[in-house]
C-alpha atoms as a PDB file:
ATOM      1  CA  GLN A   1     -17.334  21.800 -25.378  1.00  0.00           C
ATOM      2  CA  VAL A   2     -14.784  20.449 -22.953  1.00  0.00           C
ATOM      3  CA  GLN A   3     -11.692  18.508 -23.939  1.00  0.00           C
ATOM      4  CA  LEU A   4      -9.978  16.188 -21.476  1.00  0.00           C
ATOM      5  CA  VAL A   5      -6.587  14.604 -22.121  1.00  0.00           C
ATOM      6  CA  GLU A   6      -5.187  12.023 -19.718  1.00  0.00           C
ATOM      7  CA  SER A   7      -1.529  11.184 -19.283  1.00  0.00           C
ATOM      8  CA  GLY A   8       0.749   9.410 -16.850  1.00  0.00           C
ATOM      9  CA  GLY A   9      -0.314   5.821 -17.301  1.00  0.00           C
ATOM     10  CA  GLY A  10       2.142   3.006 -17.803  1.00  0.00           C
ATOM     11  CA  LEU A  11       3.502  -0.259 -16.530  1.00  0.00           C
ATOM     12  CA  VAL A  12       4.459  -0.514 -12.864  1.00  0.00           C
ATOM     13  CA  GLN A  13       5.208  -3.319 -10.444  1.00  0.00           C
ATOM     14  CA  ALA A  14       2.875  -4.126  -7.585  1.00  0.00           C
ATOM     15  CA  GLY A  15       3.521  -1.790  -4.688  1.00  0.00           C
ATOM     16  CA  GLY A  16       4.639   1.004  -6.968  1.00  0.00           C
ATOM     17  CA  SER A  17       3.139   4.397  -7.681  1.00  0.00           C
ATOM     18  CA  LEU A  18       1.843   6.368 -10.622  1.00  0.00           C
ATOM     19  CA  ARG A  19       0.472   9.872 -10.980  1.00  0.00           C
ATOM     20  CA  LEU A  20      -2.190  10.428 -13.588  1.00  0.00           C
ATOM     21  CA  SER A  21      -2.939  13.865 -14.987  1.00  0.00           C
ATOM     22  CA  CYS A  22      -5.930  15.158 -16.892  1.00  0.00           C
ATOM     23  CA  ALA A  23      -5.580  18.433 -18.754  1.00  0.00           C
ATOM     24  CA  ALA A  24      -8.896  20.175 -19.297  1.00  0.00           C
ATOM     25  CA  SER A  25      -9.569  22.800 -21.953  1.00  0.00           C
ATOM     26  CA  GLY A  26     -12.473  24.476 -23.669  1.00  0.00           C
ATOM     27  CA  PHE A  27     -15.559  25.933 -22.022  1.00  0.00           C
ATOM     28  CA  LEU A  28     -14.913  25.033 -18.387  1.00  0.00           C
ATOM     29  CA  SER A  29     -17.328  27.454 -16.758  1.00  0.00           C
ATOM     30  CA  GLY A  30     -19.782  25.632 -14.539  1.00  0.00           C
ATOM     31  CA  ILE A  31     -17.848  22.374 -14.349  1.00  0.00           C
ATOM     32  CA  ASN A  32     -18.713  21.292 -10.819  1.00  0.00           C
ATOM     33  CA  VAL A  33     -17.341  17.803 -10.415  1.00  0.00           C
ATOM     34  CA  MET A  34     -14.354  16.052 -11.874  1.00  0.00           C
ATOM     35  CA  GLY A  35     -13.373  12.494 -11.363  1.00  0.00           C
ATOM     36  CA  TRP A  36     -11.470   9.411 -12.363  1.00  0.00           C
ATOM     37  CA  TYR A  37     -13.094   6.217 -13.535  1.00  0.00           C
ATOM     38  CA  ARG A  38     -11.542   2.967 -14.691  1.00  0.00           C
ATOM     39  CA  GLN A  39     -12.492   0.033 -16.836  1.00  0.00           C
ATOM     40  CA  ALA A  40     -10.769  -3.310 -16.690  1.00  0.00           C
ATOM     41  CA  PRO A  41     -11.094  -5.846 -19.526  1.00  0.00           C
ATOM     42  CA  GLY A  42     -14.474  -7.527 -19.439  1.00  0.00           C
ATOM     43  CA  LYS A  43     -15.762  -5.275 -16.680  1.00  0.00           C
ATOM     44  CA  GLN A  44     -17.959  -2.207 -16.469  1.00  0.00           C
ATOM     45  CA  ARG A  45     -16.510   1.241 -16.018  1.00  0.00           C
ATOM     46  CA  GLU A  46     -16.375   2.090 -12.320  1.00  0.00           C
ATOM     47  CA  LEU A  47     -15.830   5.173 -10.230  1.00  0.00           C
ATOM     48  CA  VAL A  48     -12.414   5.605  -8.633  1.00  0.00           C
ATOM     49  CA  ALA A  49     -12.542   9.101  -7.125  1.00  0.00           C
ATOM     50  CA  LEU A  50     -14.400  12.404  -7.363  1.00  0.00           C
ATOM     51  CA  ILE A  51     -13.621  15.980  -6.413  1.00  0.00           C
ATOM     52  CA  ASP A  52     -16.002  18.909  -6.526  1.00  0.00           C
ATOM     53  CA  SER A  53     -15.397  22.612  -6.963  1.00  0.00           C
ATOM     54  CA  SER A  54     -15.089  23.118  -3.198  1.00  0.00           C
ATOM     55  CA  GLY A  55     -12.388  20.466  -2.956  1.00  0.00           C
ATOM     56  CA  SER A  56     -14.533  17.827  -1.325  1.00  0.00           C
ATOM     57  CA  THR A  57     -13.514  14.329  -2.343  1.00  0.00           C
ATOM     58  CA  ASP A  58     -15.051  10.892  -2.493  1.00  0.00           C
ATOM     59  CA  TYR A  59     -13.370   7.568  -3.162  1.00  0.00           C
ATOM     60  CA  ALA A  60     -14.354   4.063  -4.069  1.00  0.00           C
ATOM     61  CA  ASP A  61     -13.611   1.625  -1.272  1.00  0.00           C
ATOM     62  CA  SER A  62     -10.889   0.065  -3.418  1.00  0.00           C
ATOM     63  CA  ALA A  63      -9.106   3.433  -3.661  1.00  0.00           C
ATOM     64  CA  LYS A  64      -9.407   4.658  -0.083  1.00  0.00           C
ATOM     65  CA  GLY A  65      -6.072   5.012   1.666  1.00  0.00           C
ATOM     66  CA  ARG A  66      -4.074   4.389  -1.529  1.00  0.00           C
ATOM     67  CA  PHE A  67      -5.233   6.960  -4.086  1.00  0.00           C
ATOM     68  CA  THR A  68      -5.459  10.735  -3.784  1.00  0.00           C
ATOM     69  CA  ILE A  69      -7.419  12.946  -6.151  1.00  0.00           C
ATOM     70  CA  SER A  70      -6.579  16.622  -6.481  1.00  0.00           C
ATOM     71  CA  ARG A  71      -7.136  19.510  -8.854  1.00  0.00           C
ATOM     72  CA  ASP A  72      -5.209  22.613  -9.873  1.00  0.00           C
ATOM     73  CA  ASP A  73      -7.743  25.142 -11.097  1.00  0.00           C
ATOM     74  CA  VAL A  74      -5.014  27.510 -12.282  1.00  0.00           C
ATOM     75  CA  LYS A  75      -3.583  24.849 -14.573  1.00  0.00           C
ATOM     76  CA  ASN A  76      -7.022  23.325 -15.265  1.00  0.00           C
ATOM     77  CA  THR A  77      -5.566  19.945 -14.423  1.00  0.00           C
ATOM     78  CA  LEU A  78      -6.909  17.005 -12.455  1.00  0.00           C
ATOM     79  CA  TYR A  79      -4.581  14.523 -10.799  1.00  0.00           C
ATOM     80  CA  LEU A  80      -4.756  11.042  -9.363  1.00  0.00           C
ATOM     81  CA  GLN A  81      -1.853   9.938  -7.204  1.00  0.00           C
ATOM     82  CA  MET A  82      -1.909   6.169  -6.973  1.00  0.00           C
ATOM     83  CA  ASP A  83       0.258   4.434  -4.375  1.00  0.00           C
ATOM     84  CA  SER A  84       0.571   0.815  -3.272  1.00  0.00           C
ATOM     85  CA  LEU A  85      -0.705  -0.322  -6.633  1.00  0.00           C
ATOM     86  CA  LYS A  86      -2.091  -3.823  -7.006  1.00  0.00           C
ATOM     87  CA  PRO A  87      -2.523  -6.004 -10.088  1.00  0.00           C
ATOM     88  CA  GLU A  88      -6.295  -5.546  -9.743  1.00  0.00           C
ATOM     89  CA  ASP A  89      -5.794  -1.827 -10.376  1.00  0.00           C
ATOM     90  CA  THR A  90      -4.930  -2.678 -13.966  1.00  0.00           C
ATOM     91  CA  ALA A  91      -7.392  -0.846 -16.202  1.00  0.00           C
ATOM     92  CA  VAL A  92      -7.881   2.039 -18.560  1.00  0.00           C
ATOM     93  CA  TYR A  93      -8.335   5.153 -16.445  1.00  0.00           C
ATOM     94  CA  TYR A  94     -10.668   7.853 -17.694  1.00  0.00           C
ATOM     95  CA  CYS A  95     -11.024  11.469 -16.678  1.00  0.00           C
ATOM     96  CA  ASN A  96     -14.544  12.842 -16.322  1.00  0.00           C
ATOM     97  CA  ALA A  97     -15.902  16.352 -15.937  1.00  0.00           C
ATOM     98  CA  LYS A  98     -19.523  17.155 -15.186  1.00  0.00           C
ATOM     99  CA  ARG A  99     -21.542  20.340 -15.462  1.00  0.00           C
ATOM    100  CA  CYS A 100     -24.275  19.552 -12.963  1.00  0.00           C
ATOM    101  CA  ILE A 101     -26.652  22.333 -13.974  1.00  0.00           C
ATOM    102  CA  THR A 102     -27.077  20.744 -17.402  1.00  0.00           C
ATOM    103  CA  ASN A 103     -26.271  17.187 -16.306  1.00  0.00           C
ATOM    104  CA  VAL A 104     -23.742  16.940 -19.115  1.00  0.00           C
ATOM    105  CA  ALA A 105     -20.565  14.944 -18.634  1.00  0.00           C
ATOM    106  CA  TYR A 106     -17.391  14.845 -20.678  1.00  0.00           C
ATOM    107  CA  TRP A 107     -14.854  12.046 -20.984  1.00  0.00           C
ATOM    108  CA  GLY A 108     -11.243  11.764 -21.955  1.00  0.00           C
ATOM    109  CA  ARG A 109      -9.928   8.944 -24.110  1.00  0.00           C
ATOM    110  CA  GLY A 110      -8.258   7.182 -21.231  1.00  0.00           C
ATOM    111  CA  THR A 111      -4.777   6.122 -20.199  1.00  0.00           C
ATOM    112  CA  GLN A 112      -3.700   2.534 -19.643  1.00  0.00           C
ATOM    113  CA  VAL A 113      -2.409   1.502 -16.230  1.00  0.00           C
ATOM    114  CA  THR A 114      -0.893  -1.953 -15.942  1.00  0.00           C
ATOM    115  CA  VAL A 115       0.313  -3.326 -12.618  1.00  0.00           C
ATOM    116  CA  SER A 116       2.450  -6.445 -12.760  1.00  0.00           C
ATOM    117  CA  SER A 117       2.659  -8.920  -9.892  1.00  0.00           C
END
């Protein structure tokens, strides 16, 4: 089992920044890809950014140029630096970890990000 705990969410004004963290614990061997997803009220959960074990990253168009995903494998922590935040970034942000060989994914409980205009 893998446990993921997000932190760092909060209320910020438009144009501000937040840094989300996701602490991973448990059986982490074979976890290939980690990522951030978000879900706004009334909308489906959507991908924000991914990072694989080699450090390669991928971003949703809405996140490109504003968000940066990174990982610290010593601390077993995933980060999402969010700059130039917009009200439409308001959502619950979820951490995800995937073990591709078994196609099993794990989710955190989420952290609320609210961006005021």
